[in-house]
Structures are given as C-alpha cells and as structure tokens.
Amino acid sequence: MKKFILKFFFVLCLIFSCFSVSTMAQVPDLTEGLHKADNFNLSKDKPHYIQNTSPDSSAYVLILDGNENLQQTIRLKPQSAKYKLVPLEPGARIVIFGNGIVSIT
C-alpha cells in the first residue's frame, strides 16, 4: 500500500510539473483607451517591447510618466515589428488611439 501511495504521488507531481505557470506577468492584449502600467505587474529590470498584432488596423501609443509628462510616442502599423519601450516608472500610463490590438512583452 505504501508503494502504491508513493508511486501515485510521484506520478501526480510529474503531471503537475508539466503544467507549470509562468512567473512572468501576462499582459493582456490592449485596445483603445487609457491603461495604467501598474496594473500589469511589469518588471522594472527587464526591457519591454510593444507591437500591433491587428491584421488591418493601426494604433498610436503614448507613454506618460506619473507626472503626465510625455515619455514616448509610437505609431504602430498593422502587424508591426516589436519596438522597445522606455523603462516604465511606477504610475506610468499607456494611452492607445486607434482600432489596433497592442501587445506588450
């Protein structure tokens, strides 16, 4: 009985280790609007990239710091390449105009 229980827990551990959750923040696709960078738990040590994944709509992105000073502007064409973002400080805001779907990695 003990061997069965040990084998069962071993197999159970193997199964759950296959479905591990990434510890990195999963940022949802963003659409038009005002978004707080704090809501996405982005790490401050790692560079972040932005791109438009929409097949037919462009997007215009503004990055504002906590004092509402403009830090970066990017025009993203449909299916754009990845562009590096400035480091996002606490309180930063991301403003998106247009019908594009923007993703941050």
N, C-alpha and C. Protein backbone atom coordinates (compact mmCIF):
# COMPACT_ATOMS: atom_id res chain seq x y z
N MET A 1 0.82 -1.20 0.00
CA MET A 1 0.00 0.00 0.00
C MET A 1 0.86 1.26 0.00
N LYS A 2 1.96 1.23 0.76
CA LYS A 2 2.83 2.39 0.82
C LYS A 2 3.50 2.65 -0.53
N LYS A 3 3.87 1.59 -1.21
CA LYS A 3 4.49 1.75 -2.53
C LYS A 3 3.51 2.36 -3.51
N PHE A 4 2.27 1.93 -3.44
CA PHE A 4 1.25 2.47 -4.32
C PHE A 4 1.05 3.97 -4.08
N ILE A 5 0.99 4.36 -2.83
CA ILE A 5 0.80 5.78 -2.49
C ILE A 5 2.00 6.59 -2.95
N LEU A 6 3.20 6.09 -2.74
CA LEU A 6 4.40 6.80 -3.19
C LEU A 6 4.43 6.94 -4.71
N LYS A 7 4.11 5.88 -5.41
CA LYS A 7 4.07 5.94 -6.87
C LYS A 7 2.99 6.91 -7.34
N PHE A 8 1.85 6.89 -6.68
CA PHE A 8 0.76 7.78 -7.05
C PHE A 8 1.16 9.25 -6.89
N PHE A 9 1.77 9.61 -5.77
CA PHE A 9 2.21 10.99 -5.55
C PHE A 9 3.32 11.38 -6.49
N PHE A 10 4.21 10.45 -6.83
CA PHE A 10 5.28 10.73 -7.77
C PHE A 10 4.70 11.06 -9.15
N VAL A 11 3.76 10.25 -9.62
CA VAL A 11 3.11 10.49 -10.91
C VAL A 11 2.32 11.79 -10.86
N LEU A 12 1.66 12.04 -9.78
CA LEU A 12 0.90 13.27 -9.62
C LEU A 12 1.81 14.50 -9.70
N CYS A 13 2.97 14.42 -9.05
CA CYS A 13 3.94 15.52 -9.11
C CYS A 13 4.44 15.72 -10.53
N LEU A 14 4.69 14.65 -11.24
CA LEU A 14 5.14 14.77 -12.63
C LEU A 14 4.08 15.42 -13.51
N ILE A 15 2.84 15.05 -13.30
CA ILE A 15 1.76 15.63 -14.10
C ILE A 15 1.65 17.13 -13.84
N PHE A 16 1.68 17.54 -12.57
CA PHE A 16 1.54 18.96 -12.25
C PHE A 16 2.76 19.77 -12.66
N SER A 17 3.91 19.17 -12.72
CA SER A 17 5.10 19.91 -13.14
C SER A 17 5.05 20.22 -14.64
N CYS A 18 4.29 19.46 -15.40
CA CYS A 18 4.14 19.72 -16.83
C CYS A 18 3.28 20.95 -17.08
N PHE A 19 2.43 21.29 -16.14
CA PHE A 19 1.52 22.42 -16.30
C PHE A 19 1.93 23.59 -15.43
N SER A 20 3.21 23.90 -15.40
CA SER A 20 3.68 24.99 -14.55
C SER A 20 3.24 26.33 -15.13
N VAL A 21 2.99 27.26 -14.26
CA VAL A 21 2.56 28.60 -14.64
C VAL A 21 3.79 29.49 -14.69
N SER A 22 3.88 30.29 -15.72
CA SER A 22 4.99 31.21 -15.85
C SER A 22 4.92 32.27 -14.75
N THR A 23 6.06 32.62 -14.18
CA THR A 23 6.08 33.63 -13.13
C THR A 23 6.13 35.04 -13.70
N MET A 24 6.32 35.17 -15.00
CA MET A 24 6.35 36.48 -15.62
C MET A 24 4.92 37.01 -15.74
N ALA A 25 4.79 38.30 -15.77
CA ALA A 25 3.48 38.91 -15.90
C ALA A 25 2.90 38.63 -17.28
N GLN A 26 1.65 38.28 -17.32
CA GLN A 26 0.95 38.05 -18.57
C GLN A 26 0.11 39.29 -18.86
N VAL A 27 0.57 40.10 -19.79
CA VAL A 27 -0.14 41.32 -20.13
C VAL A 27 -1.16 40.99 -21.20
N PRO A 28 -2.43 41.32 -20.96
CA PRO A 28 -3.44 41.04 -21.98
C PRO A 28 -3.26 41.97 -23.18
N ASP A 29 -3.87 41.59 -24.29
CA ASP A 29 -3.85 42.47 -25.45
C ASP A 29 -4.63 43.74 -25.11
N LEU A 30 -4.07 44.88 -25.49
CA LEU A 30 -4.67 46.16 -25.15
C LEU A 30 -5.34 46.77 -26.37
N THR A 31 -6.46 47.42 -26.14
CA THR A 31 -7.16 48.13 -27.21
C THR A 31 -7.21 49.60 -26.85
N GLU A 32 -7.94 50.36 -27.62
CA GLU A 32 -8.01 51.81 -27.44
C GLU A 32 -8.41 52.17 -26.02
N GLY A 33 -7.71 53.14 -25.44
CA GLY A 33 -8.06 53.60 -24.11
C GLY A 33 -6.85 54.00 -23.30
N LEU A 34 -7.09 54.30 -22.03
CA LEU A 34 -6.06 54.69 -21.08
C LEU A 34 -5.81 53.52 -20.13
N HIS A 35 -4.54 53.11 -20.02
CA HIS A 35 -4.18 51.95 -19.21
C HIS A 35 -3.07 52.34 -18.24
N LYS A 36 -3.15 51.85 -17.00
CA LYS A 36 -2.09 52.07 -16.02
C LYS A 36 -1.09 50.93 -16.11
N ALA A 37 0.18 51.26 -16.21
CA ALA A 37 1.22 50.24 -16.30
C ALA A 37 1.31 49.42 -15.02
N ASP A 38 0.95 50.01 -13.89
CA ASP A 38 0.98 49.30 -12.61
C ASP A 38 0.04 48.09 -12.59
N ASN A 39 -1.02 48.14 -13.38
CA ASN A 39 -1.99 47.05 -13.40
C ASN A 39 -1.45 45.77 -14.02
N PHE A 40 -0.34 45.87 -14.75
CA PHE A 40 0.18 44.72 -15.48
C PHE A 40 1.36 44.05 -14.79
N ASN A 41 1.81 44.58 -13.66
CA ASN A 41 2.94 44.00 -12.91
C ASN A 41 4.16 43.75 -13.78
N LEU A 42 4.53 44.73 -14.57
CA LEU A 42 5.69 44.61 -15.44
C LEU A 42 6.96 44.77 -14.61
N SER A 43 7.95 43.94 -14.86
CA SER A 43 9.20 44.04 -14.10
C SER A 43 9.97 45.28 -14.55
N LYS A 44 10.63 45.90 -13.60
CA LYS A 44 11.37 47.14 -13.89
C LYS A 44 12.78 46.85 -14.40
N ASP A 45 13.26 45.63 -14.19
CA ASP A 45 14.62 45.29 -14.56
C ASP A 45 14.74 44.82 -16.01
N LYS A 46 13.66 44.42 -16.59
CA LYS A 46 13.67 43.81 -17.91
C LYS A 46 13.12 44.79 -18.95
N PRO A 47 13.72 44.85 -20.14
CA PRO A 47 13.17 45.72 -21.19
C PRO A 47 11.85 45.15 -21.71
N HIS A 48 10.96 46.03 -22.10
CA HIS A 48 9.66 45.62 -22.62
C HIS A 48 9.53 46.08 -24.06
N TYR A 49 8.78 45.30 -24.83
CA TYR A 49 8.57 45.59 -26.24
C TYR A 49 7.08 45.67 -26.52
N ILE A 50 6.74 46.48 -27.53
CA ILE A 50 5.34 46.68 -27.88
C ILE A 50 5.18 46.43 -29.37
N GLN A 51 4.04 45.86 -29.74
CA GLN A 51 3.75 45.66 -31.15
C GLN A 51 2.25 45.62 -31.38
N ASN A 52 1.85 45.91 -32.61
CA ASN A 52 0.45 45.87 -33.00
C ASN A 52 0.21 44.52 -33.68
N THR A 53 -0.68 43.73 -33.12
CA THR A 53 -0.96 42.41 -33.67
C THR A 53 -2.19 42.40 -34.57
N SER A 54 -2.84 43.53 -34.72
CA SER A 54 -4.03 43.61 -35.57
C SER A 54 -3.63 43.46 -37.03
N PRO A 55 -4.39 42.69 -37.81
CA PRO A 55 -4.03 42.49 -39.22
C PRO A 55 -4.37 43.67 -40.13
N ASP A 56 -5.28 44.56 -39.69
CA ASP A 56 -5.70 45.62 -40.62
C ASP A 56 -5.88 47.00 -40.00
N SER A 57 -5.61 47.18 -38.72
CA SER A 57 -5.80 48.48 -38.07
C SER A 57 -4.51 48.95 -37.41
N SER A 58 -4.24 50.24 -37.54
CA SER A 58 -3.05 50.80 -36.90
C SER A 58 -3.40 51.35 -35.53
N ALA A 59 -2.37 51.66 -34.75
CA ALA A 59 -2.56 52.21 -33.41
C ALA A 59 -1.48 53.25 -33.15
N TYR A 60 -1.81 54.24 -32.36
CA TYR A 60 -0.89 55.28 -31.95
C TYR A 60 -0.78 55.19 -30.43
N VAL A 61 0.43 55.06 -29.92
CA VAL A 61 0.64 54.80 -28.48
C VAL A 61 1.41 55.96 -27.86
N LEU A 62 0.92 56.44 -26.72
CA LEU A 62 1.61 57.46 -25.93
C LEU A 62 1.98 56.84 -24.58
N ILE A 63 3.20 57.08 -24.13
CA ILE A 63 3.63 56.64 -22.80
C ILE A 63 3.84 57.89 -21.97
N LEU A 64 3.10 57.98 -20.85
CA LEU A 64 3.20 59.12 -19.95
C LEU A 64 3.75 58.65 -18.62
N ASP A 65 4.57 59.50 -17.97
CA ASP A 65 5.07 59.14 -16.64
C ASP A 65 4.04 59.50 -15.58
N GLY A 66 4.38 59.33 -14.32
CA GLY A 66 3.46 59.61 -13.22
C GLY A 66 3.05 61.06 -13.13
N ASN A 67 3.86 61.98 -13.67
CA ASN A 67 3.54 63.41 -13.66
C ASN A 67 2.87 63.86 -14.95
N GLU A 68 2.43 62.89 -15.76
CA GLU A 68 1.76 63.13 -17.04
C GLU A 68 2.65 63.84 -18.05
N ASN A 69 3.95 63.64 -17.95
CA ASN A 69 4.88 64.13 -18.96
C ASN A 69 5.05 63.07 -20.03
N LEU A 70 5.07 63.50 -21.28
CA LEU A 70 5.20 62.57 -22.39
C LEU A 70 6.60 61.96 -22.41
N GLN A 71 6.67 60.62 -22.40
CA GLN A 71 7.94 59.91 -22.41
C GLN A 71 8.26 59.31 -23.78
N GLN A 72 7.23 58.82 -24.48
CA GLN A 72 7.45 58.15 -25.75
C GLN A 72 6.16 58.13 -26.54
N THR A 73 6.30 58.26 -27.87
CA THR A 73 5.16 58.08 -28.78
C THR A 73 5.57 57.09 -29.86
N ILE A 74 4.66 56.25 -30.23
CA ILE A 74 4.93 55.24 -31.25
C ILE A 74 3.70 55.09 -32.12
N ARG A 75 3.90 55.10 -33.44
CA ARG A 75 2.82 54.78 -34.37
C ARG A 75 3.04 53.36 -34.84
N LEU A 76 2.08 52.51 -34.57
CA LEU A 76 2.21 51.09 -34.90
C LEU A 76 1.30 50.75 -36.08
N LYS A 77 1.91 50.35 -37.18
CA LYS A 77 1.14 49.92 -38.35
C LYS A 77 0.61 48.51 -38.10
N PRO A 78 -0.34 48.05 -38.90
CA PRO A 78 -0.85 46.69 -38.72
C PRO A 78 0.27 45.65 -38.84
N GLN A 79 0.23 44.64 -37.98
CA GLN A 79 1.24 43.58 -37.94
C GLN A 79 2.65 44.16 -37.85
N SER A 80 2.83 45.12 -36.97
CA SER A 80 4.11 45.82 -36.85
C SER A 80 5.18 44.95 -36.21
N ALA A 81 6.41 45.39 -36.35
CA ALA A 81 7.53 44.75 -35.66
C ALA A 81 7.47 45.15 -34.19
N LYS A 82 8.32 44.55 -33.37
CA LYS A 82 8.38 44.90 -31.95
C LYS A 82 9.27 46.13 -31.78
N TYR A 83 8.81 47.07 -30.96
CA TYR A 83 9.57 48.27 -30.65
C TYR A 83 9.84 48.30 -29.16
N LYS A 84 11.05 48.71 -28.80
CA LYS A 84 11.44 48.76 -27.39
C LYS A 84 10.80 49.96 -26.71
N LEU A 85 10.26 49.73 -25.52
CA LEU A 85 9.66 50.81 -24.73
C LEU A 85 10.68 51.41 -23.79
N VAL A 86 10.45 52.67 -23.44
CA VAL A 86 11.25 53.29 -22.39
C VAL A 86 10.94 52.56 -21.08
N PRO A 87 11.84 52.58 -20.10
CA PRO A 87 11.52 51.93 -18.81
C PRO A 87 10.26 52.56 -18.21
N LEU A 88 9.32 51.71 -17.83
CA LEU A 88 8.05 52.20 -17.28
C LEU A 88 8.18 52.40 -15.78
N GLU A 89 8.06 53.64 -15.36
CA GLU A 89 8.15 54.00 -13.95
C GLU A 89 6.82 53.71 -13.25
N PRO A 90 6.83 53.61 -11.92
CA PRO A 90 5.56 53.46 -11.21
C PRO A 90 4.65 54.65 -11.50
N GLY A 91 3.40 54.38 -11.76
CA GLY A 91 2.45 55.44 -12.08
C GLY A 91 2.38 55.78 -13.55
N ALA A 92 3.15 55.11 -14.38
CA ALA A 92 3.13 55.39 -15.83
C ALA A 92 1.79 55.00 -16.42
N ARG A 93 1.42 55.71 -17.47
CA ARG A 93 0.15 55.43 -18.16
C ARG A 93 0.43 55.19 -19.63
N ILE A 94 -0.36 54.30 -20.20
CA ILE A 94 -0.25 53.97 -21.61
C ILE A 94 -1.56 54.37 -22.26
N VAL A 95 -1.48 55.27 -23.25
CA VAL A 95 -2.67 55.74 -23.96
C VAL A 95 -2.61 55.18 -25.37
N ILE A 96 -3.69 54.54 -25.80
CA ILE A 96 -3.74 53.93 -27.12
C ILE A 96 -4.90 54.56 -27.90
N PHE A 97 -4.59 55.04 -29.11
CA PHE A 97 -5.59 55.56 -30.04
C PHE A 97 -5.64 54.63 -31.25
N GLY A 98 -6.81 54.44 -31.79
CA GLY A 98 -6.95 53.61 -32.99
C GLY A 98 -7.56 52.27 -32.67
N ASN A 99 -7.83 51.51 -33.72
CA ASN A 99 -8.51 50.23 -33.56
C ASN A 99 -7.55 49.05 -33.50
N GLY A 100 -6.28 49.31 -33.41
CA GLY A 100 -5.29 48.23 -33.34
C GLY A 100 -5.35 47.47 -32.03
N ILE A 101 -4.75 46.27 -32.06
CA ILE A 101 -4.64 45.45 -30.86
C ILE A 101 -3.17 45.42 -30.49
N VAL A 102 -2.84 46.00 -29.34
CA VAL A 102 -1.45 46.19 -28.93
C VAL A 102 -1.07 45.15 -27.87
N SER A 103 0.10 44.56 -28.02
CA SER A 103 0.57 43.63 -27.00
C SER A 103 1.94 44.09 -26.50
N ILE A 104 2.15 43.91 -25.20
CA ILE A 104 3.40 44.27 -24.56
C ILE A 104 4.06 42.99 -24.05
N THR A 105 5.32 42.81 -24.40
CA THR A 105 6.06 41.62 -23.94
C THR A 105 7.30 42.05 -23.21
